[in-house]
């Protein structure tokens, strides 16, 4: 029993040729891979650095202490 292919062979071969010919790292070859591989980690790092800096500032001045 055989099942039908998920993608036609011609389309699969076209995608394979595209991904093998692009001179970029493997994890940046797709259309939206820059968003998931670069932008989201940078945004998370920037927001965490901001929150850590704000926490250190508040602790050094005693802001927000519970009495």
N, C-alpha and C. Protein backbone atom coordinates (compact mmCIF):
# COMPACT_ATOMS: atom_id res chain seq x y z
N UNK A 1 0.85 -1.17 0.00
CA UNK A 1 0.00 0.00 0.00
C UNK A 1 0.89 1.24 0.00
N UNK A 2 0.70 2.09 -0.95
CA UNK A 2 1.48 3.32 -1.02
C UNK A 2 0.55 4.51 -0.82
N UNK A 3 1.09 5.53 -0.21
CA UNK A 3 0.29 6.74 -0.01
C UNK A 3 0.79 7.83 -0.96
N UNK A 4 -0.06 8.77 -1.32
CA UNK A 4 0.35 9.82 -2.25
C UNK A 4 1.41 10.72 -1.63
N UNK A 5 2.29 11.27 -2.45
CA UNK A 5 3.34 12.14 -1.91
C UNK A 5 2.75 13.43 -1.33
N UNK A 6 3.42 13.94 -0.32
CA UNK A 6 2.98 15.17 0.33
C UNK A 6 3.15 16.37 -0.60
N UNK A 7 4.26 16.40 -1.32
CA UNK A 7 4.55 17.47 -2.28
C UNK A 7 4.97 16.79 -3.58
N UNK A 8 4.63 17.39 -4.70
CA UNK A 8 5.00 16.79 -5.97
C UNK A 8 6.52 16.77 -6.13
N UNK A 9 7.00 15.81 -6.90
CA UNK A 9 8.46 15.65 -7.05
C UNK A 9 9.11 16.88 -7.69
N UNK A 10 8.44 17.48 -8.64
CA UNK A 10 9.01 18.67 -9.29
C UNK A 10 9.16 19.83 -8.32
N UNK A 11 8.15 20.03 -7.51
CA UNK A 11 8.21 21.12 -6.52
C UNK A 11 9.27 20.83 -5.46
N UNK A 12 9.36 19.58 -5.03
CA UNK A 12 10.37 19.19 -4.05
C UNK A 12 11.77 19.39 -4.61
N UNK A 13 11.98 19.01 -5.87
CA UNK A 13 13.30 19.18 -6.49
C UNK A 13 13.64 20.66 -6.62
N UNK A 14 12.64 21.49 -6.93
CA UNK A 14 12.87 22.94 -7.04
C UNK A 14 13.28 23.52 -5.69
N UNK A 15 12.60 23.10 -4.62
CA UNK A 15 12.95 23.57 -3.27
C UNK A 15 14.35 23.11 -2.88
N UNK A 16 14.68 21.86 -3.19
CA UNK A 16 16.01 21.34 -2.85
C UNK A 16 17.10 22.12 -3.58
N UNK A 17 16.91 22.41 -4.85
CA UNK A 17 17.89 23.18 -5.60
C UNK A 17 18.04 24.58 -5.03
N UNK A 18 16.93 25.19 -4.62
CA UNK A 18 16.99 26.53 -4.04
C UNK A 18 17.79 26.52 -2.75
N UNK A 19 17.47 25.60 -1.85
CA UNK A 19 18.14 25.57 -0.55
C UNK A 19 19.60 25.17 -0.66
N UNK A 20 19.96 24.39 -1.66
CA UNK A 20 21.36 24.00 -1.83
C UNK A 20 22.17 25.08 -2.52
N UNK A 21 21.52 26.00 -3.23
CA UNK A 21 22.27 27.01 -3.98
C UNK A 21 22.45 28.32 -3.22
N UNK A 22 21.65 28.58 -2.19
CA UNK A 22 21.73 29.83 -1.46
C UNK A 22 23.00 29.84 -0.61
N UNK A 23 23.85 30.87 -0.73
CA UNK A 23 25.12 30.89 0.02
C UNK A 23 24.97 31.46 1.43
N UNK A 24 24.00 31.00 2.18
CA UNK A 24 23.77 31.46 3.55
C UNK A 24 23.86 30.25 4.48
N UNK A 25 23.98 30.47 5.78
CA UNK A 25 23.91 29.33 6.70
C UNK A 25 22.56 28.64 6.60
N UNK A 26 22.54 27.38 6.93
CA UNK A 26 21.33 26.57 6.77
C UNK A 26 20.16 27.13 7.53
N UNK A 27 20.39 27.69 8.73
CA UNK A 27 19.28 28.15 9.55
C UNK A 27 18.72 29.49 9.10
N UNK A 28 19.28 30.13 8.07
CA UNK A 28 18.76 31.40 7.57
C UNK A 28 18.31 31.32 6.12
N UNK A 29 18.00 30.13 5.63
CA UNK A 29 17.68 29.99 4.22
C UNK A 29 16.21 30.21 3.88
N UNK A 30 15.32 30.13 4.84
CA UNK A 30 13.90 30.31 4.56
C UNK A 30 13.52 31.78 4.52
N UNK A 31 12.26 32.02 4.19
CA UNK A 31 11.78 33.38 4.04
C UNK A 31 11.69 34.11 5.38
N UNK A 32 11.17 33.44 6.40
CA UNK A 32 10.96 34.08 7.70
C UNK A 32 11.95 33.61 8.76
N UNK A 33 13.02 32.95 8.35
CA UNK A 33 13.97 32.40 9.32
C UNK A 33 14.76 33.49 10.03
N UNK A 34 14.93 34.63 9.41
CA UNK A 34 15.66 35.72 10.08
C UNK A 34 14.88 36.23 11.29
N UNK A 35 13.56 36.18 11.20
CA UNK A 35 12.73 36.64 12.31
C UNK A 35 12.89 35.69 13.50
N UNK A 36 12.80 34.39 13.23
CA UNK A 36 12.86 33.43 14.33
C UNK A 36 14.27 33.20 14.84
N UNK A 37 15.28 33.34 14.00
CA UNK A 37 16.65 33.05 14.41
C UNK A 37 17.39 34.26 14.94
N UNK A 38 16.98 35.46 14.55
CA UNK A 38 17.74 36.65 14.92
C UNK A 38 16.88 37.64 15.72
N UNK A 39 15.75 38.03 15.19
CA UNK A 39 14.97 39.11 15.79
C UNK A 39 14.38 38.74 17.14
N UNK A 40 13.79 37.57 17.26
CA UNK A 40 13.17 37.18 18.53
C UNK A 40 14.21 37.01 19.64
N UNK A 41 15.34 36.32 19.41
CA UNK A 41 16.34 36.25 20.48
C UNK A 41 16.92 37.61 20.85
N UNK A 42 17.12 38.49 19.89
CA UNK A 42 17.61 39.83 20.22
C UNK A 42 16.59 40.61 21.05
N UNK A 43 15.32 40.48 20.71
CA UNK A 43 14.28 41.17 21.48
C UNK A 43 14.21 40.63 22.91
N UNK A 44 14.32 39.32 23.06
CA UNK A 44 14.30 38.73 24.41
C UNK A 44 15.51 39.17 25.22
N UNK A 45 16.68 39.20 24.58
CA UNK A 45 17.89 39.63 25.29
C UNK A 45 17.80 41.09 25.70
N UNK A 46 17.29 41.94 24.80
CA UNK A 46 17.19 43.37 25.11
C UNK A 46 16.19 43.62 26.25
N UNK A 47 15.06 42.94 26.20
CA UNK A 47 14.07 43.16 27.26
C UNK A 47 14.57 42.62 28.60
N UNK A 48 15.27 41.50 28.59
CA UNK A 48 15.79 40.97 29.86
C UNK A 48 16.89 41.87 30.42
N UNK A 49 17.73 42.42 29.56
CA UNK A 49 18.77 43.34 30.05
C UNK A 49 18.13 44.61 30.63
N UNK A 50 17.06 45.10 30.00
CA UNK A 50 16.36 46.27 30.53
C UNK A 50 15.77 45.97 31.90
N UNK A 51 15.13 44.82 32.05
CA UNK A 51 14.51 44.47 33.32
C UNK A 51 15.55 44.25 34.42
N UNK A 52 16.67 43.64 34.09
CA UNK A 52 17.74 43.45 35.07
C UNK A 52 18.31 44.80 35.49
N UNK A 53 18.55 45.68 34.52
CA UNK A 53 19.06 47.02 34.84
C UNK A 53 18.09 47.80 35.71
N UNK A 54 16.82 47.71 35.40
CA UNK A 54 15.81 48.40 36.21
C UNK A 54 15.76 47.85 37.63
N UNK A 55 15.89 46.53 37.76
CA UNK A 55 15.88 45.92 39.09
C UNK A 55 17.09 46.34 39.91
N UNK A 56 18.26 46.39 39.29
CA UNK A 56 19.46 46.82 40.01
C UNK A 56 19.33 48.28 40.42
N UNK A 57 18.81 49.11 39.53
CA UNK A 57 18.61 50.53 39.85
C UNK A 57 17.65 50.71 41.03
N UNK A 58 16.53 49.99 40.99
CA UNK A 58 15.54 50.10 42.07
C UNK A 58 16.10 49.58 43.39
N UNK A 59 16.90 48.50 43.35
CA UNK A 59 17.48 47.99 44.60
C UNK A 59 18.52 48.93 45.15
N UNK A 60 19.30 49.58 44.27
CA UNK A 60 20.34 50.47 44.78
C UNK A 60 19.75 51.72 45.41
N UNK A 61 18.57 52.18 44.96
CA UNK A 61 17.95 53.36 45.53
C UNK A 61 16.86 53.03 46.56
N UNK A 62 16.54 51.76 46.70
CA UNK A 62 15.52 51.37 47.67
C UNK A 62 14.12 51.66 47.21
N UNK A 63 13.88 51.72 45.94
CA UNK A 63 12.56 52.01 45.40
C UNK A 63 11.73 50.73 45.38
N UNK A 64 10.47 50.84 45.80
CA UNK A 64 9.55 49.72 45.71
C UNK A 64 9.67 48.73 46.85
N UNK A 65 10.26 49.09 47.95
CA UNK A 65 10.37 48.18 49.09
C UNK A 65 9.03 48.03 49.80
N UNK A 66 8.78 46.84 50.29
CA UNK A 66 7.58 46.62 51.09
C UNK A 66 7.92 46.95 52.54
N UNK A 67 7.04 47.63 53.18
CA UNK A 67 7.30 48.06 54.57
C UNK A 67 6.83 47.01 55.54
